[in-house]
Amino acid sequence: LEARLAEQQREAKALKAALRKATAERRNRTLPEVFADDEEQFRWEVDFAYLVRVDEVQRAEYPLADFVVGPAFLNRMDSLQGISRDKILDVVVDVLSDRAKDIATREVHKWLEHRAGGQEVRHDGARAWRASLQVRSNSARRLKYWRLPDGRIELDSVGVHDDGIR
């Protein structure tokens, strides 16, 4: 049993290394620019990331939600340093497909009005949320988004934890 366990541990270690390598290779891909309009390009990249990230079998269980790109989102995303666009797209896909709640490292939480306050709610009834783009790193990056009353998601901003993304 000990020999079998040791072999399975070696196998698991090799599989984890292969997964890390494949993930790194995928992250280093550069998607072509196919739209002049920044939002159209972003939406195309989200669709592509969804197809790559979510297995065909799981797409019925995790459909991509309709979403709104907030007015400052793309500028904030393009100016955010220390994280790849692909990583941001992966987290956006996790949020839009509602997979983020099942992925521990996404650390989905209500966006609080202040440290001891309740969840921020806009005048239109939208509720603010945040998801982690990074964990256990200095100035970890976060995604802020709104769940709209009609079920859509509005991507608000990305930034560093220290900038007030609670």
N, C-alpha and C. Protein backbone atom coordinates (compact mmCIF):
# COMPACT_ATOMS: atom_id res chain seq x y z
N LEU A 1 0.82 -1.20 0.00
CA LEU A 1 0.00 0.00 0.00
C LEU A 1 0.86 1.26 0.00
N GLU A 2 1.93 1.23 0.78
CA GLU A 2 2.81 2.39 0.84
C GLU A 2 3.47 2.65 -0.51
N ALA A 3 3.88 1.59 -1.19
CA ALA A 3 4.50 1.73 -2.51
C ALA A 3 3.49 2.28 -3.51
N ARG A 4 2.25 1.80 -3.44
CA ARG A 4 1.21 2.29 -4.34
C ARG A 4 0.90 3.77 -4.07
N LEU A 5 0.85 4.11 -2.79
CA LEU A 5 0.61 5.50 -2.41
C LEU A 5 1.73 6.40 -2.92
N ALA A 6 2.96 5.97 -2.75
CA ALA A 6 4.10 6.76 -3.22
C ALA A 6 4.05 6.95 -4.73
N GLU A 7 3.69 5.90 -5.46
CA GLU A 7 3.57 5.99 -6.92
C GLU A 7 2.46 6.96 -7.32
N GLN A 8 1.34 6.90 -6.62
CA GLN A 8 0.23 7.80 -6.93
C GLN A 8 0.58 9.26 -6.60
N GLN A 9 1.36 9.46 -5.56
CA GLN A 9 1.80 10.81 -5.21
C GLN A 9 2.74 11.35 -6.29
N ARG A 10 3.65 10.51 -6.80
CA ARG A 10 4.54 10.92 -7.89
C ARG A 10 3.73 11.25 -9.14
N GLU A 11 2.73 10.43 -9.41
CA GLU A 11 1.85 10.65 -10.57
C GLU A 11 1.10 11.98 -10.42
N ALA A 12 0.57 12.21 -9.24
CA ALA A 12 -0.17 13.45 -8.98
C ALA A 12 0.74 14.67 -9.14
N LYS A 13 1.96 14.56 -8.65
CA LYS A 13 2.93 15.65 -8.78
C LYS A 13 3.24 15.93 -10.24
N ALA A 14 3.42 14.87 -11.03
CA ALA A 14 3.70 15.03 -12.47
C ALA A 14 2.51 15.65 -13.19
N LEU A 15 1.31 15.24 -12.84
CA LEU A 15 0.10 15.80 -13.46
C LEU A 15 -0.06 17.29 -13.11
N LYS A 16 0.22 17.64 -11.86
CA LYS A 16 0.14 19.04 -11.45
C LYS A 16 1.15 19.89 -12.23
N ALA A 17 2.35 19.36 -12.41
CA ALA A 17 3.39 20.08 -13.17
C ALA A 17 2.95 20.26 -14.62
N ALA A 18 2.36 19.22 -15.20
CA ALA A 18 1.88 19.31 -16.59
C ALA A 18 0.76 20.33 -16.70
N LEU A 19 -0.13 20.37 -15.72
CA LEU A 19 -1.22 21.34 -15.72
C LEU A 19 -0.68 22.76 -15.61
N ARG A 20 0.29 22.98 -14.72
CA ARG A 20 0.90 24.31 -14.59
C ARG A 20 1.53 24.75 -15.90
N LYS A 21 2.24 23.82 -16.57
CA LYS A 21 2.89 24.14 -17.84
C LYS A 21 1.85 24.48 -18.90
N ALA A 22 0.79 23.68 -19.00
CA ALA A 22 -0.26 23.93 -20.00
C ALA A 22 -0.96 25.26 -19.72
N THR A 23 -1.21 25.55 -18.47
CA THR A 23 -1.85 26.82 -18.10
C THR A 23 -0.96 27.99 -18.46
N ALA A 24 0.33 27.88 -18.18
CA ALA A 24 1.27 28.96 -18.51
C ALA A 24 1.34 29.16 -20.02
N GLU A 25 1.35 28.07 -20.77
CA GLU A 25 1.39 28.19 -22.23
C GLU A 25 0.13 28.87 -22.75
N ARG A 26 -1.02 28.51 -22.19
CA ARG A 26 -2.27 29.12 -22.62
C ARG A 26 -2.29 30.61 -22.27
N ARG A 27 -1.76 30.95 -21.11
CA ARG A 27 -1.73 32.35 -20.69
C ARG A 27 -0.84 33.20 -21.60
N ASN A 28 0.17 32.59 -22.19
CA ASN A 28 1.10 33.34 -23.03
C ASN A 28 0.59 33.53 -24.45
N ARG A 29 -0.60 33.01 -24.74
CA ARG A 29 -1.14 33.21 -26.07
C ARG A 29 -1.54 34.67 -26.25
N THR A 30 -1.49 35.14 -27.44
CA THR A 30 -1.94 36.49 -27.73
C THR A 30 -3.08 36.37 -28.72
N LEU A 31 -4.23 36.85 -28.31
CA LEU A 31 -5.38 36.80 -29.20
C LEU A 31 -5.26 37.92 -30.22
N PRO A 32 -5.66 37.64 -31.43
CA PRO A 32 -5.58 38.70 -32.45
C PRO A 32 -6.64 39.77 -32.20
N GLU A 33 -6.35 40.96 -32.65
CA GLU A 33 -7.35 42.01 -32.61
C GLU A 33 -8.24 41.82 -33.82
N VAL A 34 -9.51 41.55 -33.57
CA VAL A 34 -10.44 41.31 -34.67
C VAL A 34 -11.51 42.40 -34.76
N PHE A 35 -11.57 43.27 -33.77
CA PHE A 35 -12.52 44.39 -33.76
C PHE A 35 -11.78 45.68 -33.43
N ALA A 36 -12.15 46.74 -34.11
CA ALA A 36 -11.57 48.05 -33.82
C ALA A 36 -12.15 48.61 -32.52
N ASP A 37 -13.40 48.29 -32.25
CA ASP A 37 -14.07 48.77 -31.04
C ASP A 37 -13.59 47.96 -29.83
N ASP A 38 -13.12 48.64 -28.79
CA ASP A 38 -12.56 47.97 -27.62
C ASP A 38 -13.56 47.05 -26.92
N GLU A 39 -14.80 47.48 -26.81
CA GLU A 39 -15.78 46.64 -26.13
C GLU A 39 -16.11 45.39 -26.95
N GLU A 40 -16.26 45.55 -28.26
CA GLU A 40 -16.51 44.38 -29.11
C GLU A 40 -15.36 43.39 -29.02
N GLN A 41 -14.13 43.90 -29.01
CA GLN A 41 -12.94 43.05 -28.87
C GLN A 41 -12.98 42.31 -27.54
N PHE A 42 -13.28 43.03 -26.48
CA PHE A 42 -13.34 42.42 -25.15
C PHE A 42 -14.40 41.34 -25.10
N ARG A 43 -15.58 41.60 -25.63
CA ARG A 43 -16.66 40.62 -25.62
C ARG A 43 -16.26 39.36 -26.41
N TRP A 44 -15.55 39.55 -27.52
CA TRP A 44 -15.07 38.42 -28.30
C TRP A 44 -14.05 37.62 -27.48
N GLU A 45 -13.16 38.32 -26.76
CA GLU A 45 -12.17 37.64 -25.92
C GLU A 45 -12.83 36.88 -24.78
N VAL A 46 -13.89 37.44 -24.22
CA VAL A 46 -14.63 36.74 -23.16
C VAL A 46 -15.25 35.46 -23.73
N ASP A 47 -15.88 35.57 -24.90
CA ASP A 47 -16.47 34.37 -25.53
C ASP A 47 -15.40 33.31 -25.79
N PHE A 48 -14.25 33.73 -26.29
CA PHE A 48 -13.15 32.79 -26.57
C PHE A 48 -12.67 32.15 -25.27
N ALA A 49 -12.44 32.96 -24.24
CA ALA A 49 -11.97 32.44 -22.95
C ALA A 49 -12.98 31.46 -22.36
N TYR A 50 -14.26 31.76 -22.53
CA TYR A 50 -15.31 30.85 -22.03
C TYR A 50 -15.21 29.49 -22.72
N LEU A 51 -15.06 29.50 -24.03
CA LEU A 51 -14.97 28.24 -24.78
C LEU A 51 -13.74 27.43 -24.39
N VAL A 52 -12.65 28.11 -24.07
CA VAL A 52 -11.42 27.43 -23.67
C VAL A 52 -11.49 26.97 -22.22
N ARG A 53 -12.09 27.79 -21.36
CA ARG A 53 -12.07 27.54 -19.92
C ARG A 53 -13.14 26.55 -19.45
N VAL A 54 -14.30 26.57 -20.08
CA VAL A 54 -15.41 25.74 -19.62
C VAL A 54 -15.62 24.59 -20.62
N ASP A 55 -15.47 23.38 -20.14
CA ASP A 55 -15.65 22.21 -21.00
C ASP A 55 -17.05 22.22 -21.62
N GLU A 56 -17.12 21.69 -22.83
CA GLU A 56 -18.40 21.66 -23.55
C GLU A 56 -19.50 21.00 -22.72
N VAL A 57 -19.17 19.94 -22.02
CA VAL A 57 -20.14 19.22 -21.20
C VAL A 57 -20.68 20.12 -20.08
N GLN A 58 -19.84 21.01 -19.55
CA GLN A 58 -20.24 21.86 -18.43
C GLN A 58 -20.96 23.14 -18.86
N ARG A 59 -20.98 23.45 -20.13
CA ARG A 59 -21.56 24.72 -20.59
C ARG A 59 -23.05 24.82 -20.32
N ALA A 60 -23.76 23.70 -20.32
CA ALA A 60 -25.18 23.73 -19.99
C ALA A 60 -25.39 24.08 -18.52
N GLU A 61 -24.49 23.57 -17.67
CA GLU A 61 -24.58 23.84 -16.23
C GLU A 61 -24.09 25.24 -15.89
N TYR A 62 -23.11 25.74 -16.65
CA TYR A 62 -22.50 27.04 -16.40
C TYR A 62 -22.59 27.93 -17.65
N PRO A 63 -23.80 28.36 -18.01
CA PRO A 63 -23.91 29.24 -19.19
C PRO A 63 -23.32 30.62 -18.89
N LEU A 64 -22.89 31.27 -19.92
CA LEU A 64 -22.32 32.60 -19.79
C LEU A 64 -23.46 33.61 -19.66
N ALA A 65 -23.47 34.36 -18.58
CA ALA A 65 -24.54 35.34 -18.33
C ALA A 65 -24.38 36.55 -19.24
N ASP A 66 -25.49 37.19 -19.50
CA ASP A 66 -25.47 38.47 -20.22
C ASP A 66 -24.78 39.48 -19.30
N PHE A 67 -23.99 40.37 -19.89
CA PHE A 67 -23.26 41.31 -19.05
C PHE A 67 -23.16 42.68 -19.69
N VAL A 68 -22.88 43.64 -18.82
CA VAL A 68 -22.68 45.03 -19.19
C VAL A 68 -21.23 45.36 -18.86
N VAL A 69 -20.57 46.06 -19.74
CA VAL A 69 -19.22 46.53 -19.47
C VAL A 69 -19.35 47.95 -18.93
N GLY A 70 -18.99 48.14 -17.66
CA GLY A 70 -19.10 49.45 -17.04
C GLY A 70 -18.23 50.48 -17.74
N PRO A 71 -18.54 51.77 -17.55
CA PRO A 71 -17.88 52.83 -18.30
C PRO A 71 -16.37 52.93 -18.10
N ALA A 72 -15.87 52.54 -16.93
CA ALA A 72 -14.43 52.66 -16.66
C ALA A 72 -13.71 51.31 -16.71
N PHE A 73 -14.45 50.22 -16.91
CA PHE A 73 -13.86 48.90 -16.77
C PHE A 73 -12.69 48.65 -17.72
N LEU A 74 -12.88 48.89 -19.00
CA LEU A 74 -11.83 48.57 -19.97
C LEU A 74 -10.57 49.41 -19.75
N ASN A 75 -10.74 50.69 -19.42
CA ASN A 75 -9.57 51.53 -19.14
C ASN A 75 -8.83 51.04 -17.90
N ARG A 76 -9.57 50.68 -16.86
CA ARG A 76 -8.93 50.16 -15.65
C ARG A 76 -8.21 48.85 -15.94
N MET A 77 -8.84 47.99 -16.72
CA MET A 77 -8.23 46.70 -17.05
C MET A 77 -6.94 46.90 -17.84
N ASP A 78 -6.97 47.79 -18.82
CA ASP A 78 -5.79 48.01 -19.66
C ASP A 78 -4.65 48.68 -18.90
N SER A 79 -4.98 49.43 -17.84
CA SER A 79 -3.92 50.13 -17.11
C SER A 79 -3.43 49.36 -15.88
N LEU A 80 -4.10 48.27 -15.54
CA LEU A 80 -3.71 47.50 -14.36
C LEU A 80 -2.42 46.74 -14.63
N GLN A 81 -1.43 46.96 -13.80
CA GLN A 81 -0.13 46.31 -13.92
C GLN A 81 -0.08 45.08 -13.02
N GLY A 82 0.81 44.16 -13.36
CA GLY A 82 1.08 43.02 -12.49
C GLY A 82 0.18 41.83 -12.69
N ILE A 83 -0.64 41.84 -13.73
CA ILE A 83 -1.51 40.71 -14.02
C ILE A 83 -1.82 40.70 -15.50
N SER A 84 -1.89 39.52 -16.07
CA SER A 84 -2.13 39.42 -17.51
C SER A 84 -3.61 39.63 -17.85
N ARG A 85 -3.84 40.07 -19.04
CA ARG A 85 -5.21 40.23 -19.55
C ARG A 85 -5.91 38.87 -19.55
N ASP A 86 -5.19 37.81 -19.90
CA ASP A 86 -5.78 36.47 -19.91
C ASP A 86 -6.28 36.05 -18.54
N LYS A 87 -5.54 36.39 -17.50
CA LYS A 87 -5.96 36.05 -16.13
C LYS A 87 -7.24 36.80 -15.79
N ILE A 88 -7.30 38.07 -16.16
CA ILE A 88 -8.52 38.85 -15.91
C ILE A 88 -9.69 38.21 -16.65
N LEU A 89 -9.47 37.82 -17.90
CA LEU A 89 -10.53 37.18 -18.69
C LEU A 89 -10.99 35.87 -18.03
N ASP A 90 -10.05 35.09 -17.51
CA ASP A 90 -10.42 33.85 -16.83
C ASP A 90 -11.36 34.12 -15.66
N VAL A 91 -11.04 35.13 -14.85
CA VAL A 91 -11.87 35.44 -13.69
C VAL A 91 -13.22 36.01 -14.13
N VAL A 92 -13.21 36.85 -15.15
CA VAL A 92 -14.46 37.38 -15.69
C VAL A 92 -15.36 36.21 -16.14
N VAL A 93 -14.79 35.24 -16.83
CA VAL A 93 -15.55 34.07 -17.27
C VAL A 93 -16.07 33.30 -16.06
N ASP A 94 -15.25 33.13 -15.03
CA ASP A 94 -15.70 32.43 -13.83
C ASP A 94 -16.88 33.14 -13.18
N VAL A 95 -16.84 34.47 -13.15
CA VAL A 95 -17.93 35.26 -12.58
C VAL A 95 -19.18 35.17 -13.46
N LEU A 96 -19.00 35.38 -14.77
CA LEU A 96 -20.15 35.40 -15.68
C LEU A 96 -20.82 34.03 -15.82
N SER A 97 -20.07 32.96 -15.62
CA SER A 97 -20.64 31.62 -15.71
C SER A 97 -21.09 31.11 -14.34
N ASP A 98 -20.91 31.92 -13.32
CA ASP A 98 -21.28 31.59 -11.93
C ASP A 98 -20.45 30.44 -11.37
N ARG A 99 -19.30 30.19 -11.97
CA ARG A 99 -18.38 29.17 -11.45
C ARG A 99 -17.55 29.74 -10.30
N ALA A 100 -17.39 31.06 -10.25
CA ALA A 100 -16.50 31.68 -9.27
C ALA A 100 -16.86 31.30 -7.84
N LYS A 101 -18.15 31.16 -7.58
CA LYS A 101 -18.58 30.82 -6.22
C LYS A 101 -18.08 29.44 -5.78
N ASP A 102 -17.77 28.58 -6.74
CA ASP A 102 -17.29 27.22 -6.45
C ASP A 102 -15.77 27.09 -6.48
N ILE A 103 -15.07 28.18 -6.78
CA ILE A 103 -13.61 28.16 -6.87
C ILE A 103 -13.06 28.95 -5.68
N ALA A 104 -12.46 28.24 -4.74
CA ALA A 104 -12.02 28.87 -3.48
C ALA A 104 -11.12 30.08 -3.71
N THR A 105 -10.21 30.01 -4.68
CA THR A 105 -9.27 31.10 -4.88
C THR A 105 -9.92 32.36 -5.47
N ARG A 106 -11.15 32.28 -5.91
CA ARG A 106 -11.85 33.49 -6.39
C ARG A 106 -12.33 34.34 -5.23
N GLU A 107 -12.49 33.72 -4.06
CA GLU A 107 -12.85 34.45 -2.84
C GLU A 107 -13.97 35.45 -3.08
N VAL A 108 -15.06 35.01 -3.68
CA VAL A 108 -16.18 35.89 -3.96
C VAL A 108 -16.79 36.38 -2.64
N HIS A 109 -16.91 37.70 -2.52
CA HIS A 109 -17.49 38.31 -1.32
C HIS A 109 -18.35 39.50 -1.72
N LYS A 110 -19.25 39.85 -0.82
CA LYS A 110 -20.02 41.07 -1.00
C LYS A 110 -19.05 42.25 -0.93
N TRP A 111 -19.28 43.26 -1.75
CA TRP A 111 -18.51 44.51 -1.68
C TRP A 111 -19.16 45.33 -0.58
N LEU A 112 -18.41 45.65 0.44
CA LEU A 112 -18.96 46.35 1.59
C LEU A 112 -18.88 47.86 1.43
N GLU A 113 -19.88 48.56 1.97
CA GLU A 113 -19.88 50.03 1.93
C GLU A 113 -18.66 50.57 2.68
N HIS A 114 -18.35 49.95 3.78
CA HIS A 114 -17.14 50.23 4.55
C HIS A 114 -16.86 48.99 5.38
N ARG A 115 -15.74 48.94 6.05
CA ARG A 115 -15.30 47.71 6.72
C ARG A 115 -16.36 47.08 7.62
N ALA A 116 -17.11 47.87 8.34
CA ALA A 116 -18.11 47.32 9.26
C ALA A 116 -19.52 47.43 8.69
N GLY A 117 -19.64 47.83 7.44
CA GLY A 117 -20.96 48.06 6.85
C GLY A 117 -21.51 46.86 6.12
N GLY A 118 -22.70 47.07 5.59
CA GLY A 118 -23.35 46.04 4.80
C GLY A 118 -22.93 46.12 3.34
N GLN A 119 -23.53 45.27 2.54
CA GLN A 119 -23.22 45.23 1.11
C GLN A 119 -23.66 46.53 0.44
N GLU A 120 -22.81 47.01 -0.45
CA GLU A 120 -23.15 48.23 -1.19
C GLU A 120 -24.27 47.91 -2.18
N VAL A 121 -25.30 48.75 -2.16
CA VAL A 121 -26.44 48.61 -3.07
C VAL A 121 -26.63 49.94 -3.77
N ARG A 122 -26.72 49.90 -5.10
CA ARG A 122 -26.92 51.12 -5.88
C ARG A 122 -28.38 51.53 -5.89
N HIS A 123 -28.64 52.74 -6.37
CA HIS A 123 -30.00 53.28 -6.46
C HIS A 123 -30.93 52.41 -7.31
N ASP A 124 -30.35 51.65 -8.27
CA ASP A 124 -31.17 50.80 -9.15
C ASP A 124 -31.36 49.39 -8.59
N GLY A 125 -30.87 49.16 -7.36
CA GLY A 125 -31.03 47.86 -6.71
C GLY A 125 -29.90 46.88 -6.99
N ALA A 126 -28.92 47.29 -7.81
CA ALA A 126 -27.78 46.42 -8.09
C ALA A 126 -26.95 46.24 -6.82
N ARG A 127 -26.43 45.03 -6.65
CA ARG A 127 -25.62 44.71 -5.48
C ARG A 127 -24.17 44.49 -5.89
N ALA A 128 -23.25 45.09 -5.11
CA ALA A 128 -21.83 45.04 -5.44
C ALA A 128 -21.17 43.78 -4.87
N TRP A 129 -20.27 43.19 -5.69
CA TRP A 129 -19.50 42.00 -5.32
C TRP A 129 -18.06 42.18 -5.74
N ARG A 130 -17.19 41.36 -5.19
CA ARG A 130 -15.80 41.34 -5.63
C ARG A 130 -15.32 39.91 -5.71
N ALA A 131 -14.37 39.71 -6.62
CA ALA A 131 -13.74 38.39 -6.77
C ALA A 131 -12.24 38.61 -6.86
N SER A 132 -11.49 37.67 -6.36
CA SER A 132 -10.03 37.78 -6.38
C SER A 132 -9.49 37.38 -7.75
N LEU A 133 -8.60 38.22 -8.25
CA LEU A 133 -7.82 37.89 -9.44
C LEU A 133 -6.53 37.20 -9.01
N GLN A 134 -6.07 37.54 -7.81
CA GLN A 134 -4.86 36.95 -7.23
C GLN A 134 -5.11 36.73 -5.75
N VAL A 135 -4.40 35.78 -5.18
CA VAL A 135 -4.47 35.53 -3.73
C VAL A 135 -3.06 35.42 -3.19
N ARG A 136 -2.95 35.70 -1.92
CA ARG A 136 -1.67 35.57 -1.21
C ARG A 136 -0.51 36.26 -1.93
N SER A 137 -0.74 37.48 -2.37
CA SER A 137 0.35 38.25 -2.97
C SER A 137 0.19 39.71 -2.54
N ASN A 138 1.30 40.42 -2.54
CA ASN A 138 1.25 41.83 -2.20
C ASN A 138 0.38 42.55 -3.22
N SER A 139 -0.45 43.45 -2.74
CA SER A 139 -1.33 44.22 -3.61
C SER A 139 -2.13 43.33 -4.55
N ALA A 140 -2.72 42.29 -4.00
CA ALA A 140 -3.50 41.35 -4.80
C ALA A 140 -4.59 42.08 -5.58
N ARG A 141 -4.76 41.67 -6.82
CA ARG A 141 -5.73 42.31 -7.70
C ARG A 141 -7.12 41.72 -7.49
N ARG A 142 -8.13 42.59 -7.64
CA ARG A 142 -9.52 42.22 -7.43
C ARG A 142 -10.39 42.72 -8.58
N LEU A 143 -11.52 42.07 -8.77
CA LEU A 143 -12.53 42.46 -9.74
C LEU A 143 -13.76 42.89 -8.96
N LYS A 144 -14.28 44.08 -9.26
CA LYS A 144 -15.54 44.54 -8.67
C LYS A 144 -16.61 44.45 -9.74
N TYR A 145 -17.76 43.90 -9.36
CA TYR A 145 -18.86 43.80 -10.31
C TYR A 145 -20.19 43.96 -9.57
N TRP A 146 -21.23 44.20 -10.34
CA TRP A 146 -22.58 44.39 -9.80
C TRP A 146 -23.49 43.29 -10.32
N ARG A 147 -24.32 42.76 -9.47
CA ARG A 147 -25.41 41.88 -9.90
C ARG A 147 -26.64 42.77 -10.03
N LEU A 148 -27.09 42.93 -11.26
CA LEU A 148 -28.22 43.80 -11.54
C LEU A 148 -29.54 43.09 -11.21
N PRO A 149 -30.58 43.85 -10.89
CA PRO A 149 -31.86 43.23 -10.55
C PRO A 149 -32.41 42.32 -11.65
N ASP A 150 -32.08 42.59 -12.92
CA ASP A 150 -32.59 41.76 -14.02
C ASP A 150 -31.74 40.51 -14.27
N GLY A 151 -30.72 40.25 -13.41
CA GLY A 151 -29.91 39.05 -13.53
C GLY A 151 -28.60 39.24 -14.29
N ARG A 152 -28.46 40.34 -15.01
CA ARG A 152 -27.21 40.59 -15.71
C ARG A 152 -26.13 40.98 -14.71
N ILE A 153 -24.90 40.94 -15.20
CA ILE A 153 -23.75 41.34 -14.38
C ILE A 153 -23.10 42.54 -15.05
N GLU A 154 -22.77 43.53 -14.26
CA GLU A 154 -22.05 44.70 -14.76
C GLU A 154 -20.63 44.66 -14.23
N LEU A 155 -19.67 44.60 -15.14
CA LEU A 155 -18.26 44.62 -14.76
C LEU A 155 -17.90 46.06 -14.45
N ASP A 156 -17.50 46.32 -13.23
CA ASP A 156 -17.26 47.68 -12.78
C ASP A 156 -15.80 48.10 -12.90
N SER A 157 -14.92 47.36 -12.24
CA SER A 157 -13.51 47.76 -12.25
C SER A 157 -12.61 46.62 -11.81
N VAL A 158 -11.34 46.78 -12.09
CA VAL A 158 -10.31 45.91 -11.54
C VAL A 158 -9.27 46.82 -10.90
N GLY A 159 -8.66 46.33 -9.85
CA GLY A 159 -7.66 47.14 -9.16
C GLY A 159 -6.98 46.31 -8.10
N VAL A 160 -6.14 46.97 -7.33
CA VAL A 160 -5.42 46.28 -6.27
C VAL A 160 -6.20 46.39 -4.97
N HIS A 161 -6.04 45.38 -4.16
CA HIS A 161 -6.73 45.32 -2.87
C HIS A 161 -6.50 46.59 -2.07
N ASP A 162 -5.27 47.12 -2.13
CA ASP A 162 -4.92 48.31 -1.36
C ASP A 162 -5.62 49.57 -1.85
N ASP A 163 -6.17 49.54 -3.06
CA ASP A 163 -6.90 50.70 -3.61
C ASP A 163 -8.33 50.74 -3.12
N GLY A 164 -8.68 49.87 -2.21
CA GLY A 164 -10.03 49.93 -1.64
C GLY A 164 -10.97 48.87 -2.16
N ILE A 165 -10.49 47.92 -2.91
CA ILE A 165 -11.38 46.83 -3.32
C ILE A 165 -11.41 45.84 -2.15
N ARG A 166 -12.49 45.91 -1.41
CA ARG A 166 -12.61 45.20 -0.13
C ARG A 166 -13.10 43.79 -0.34
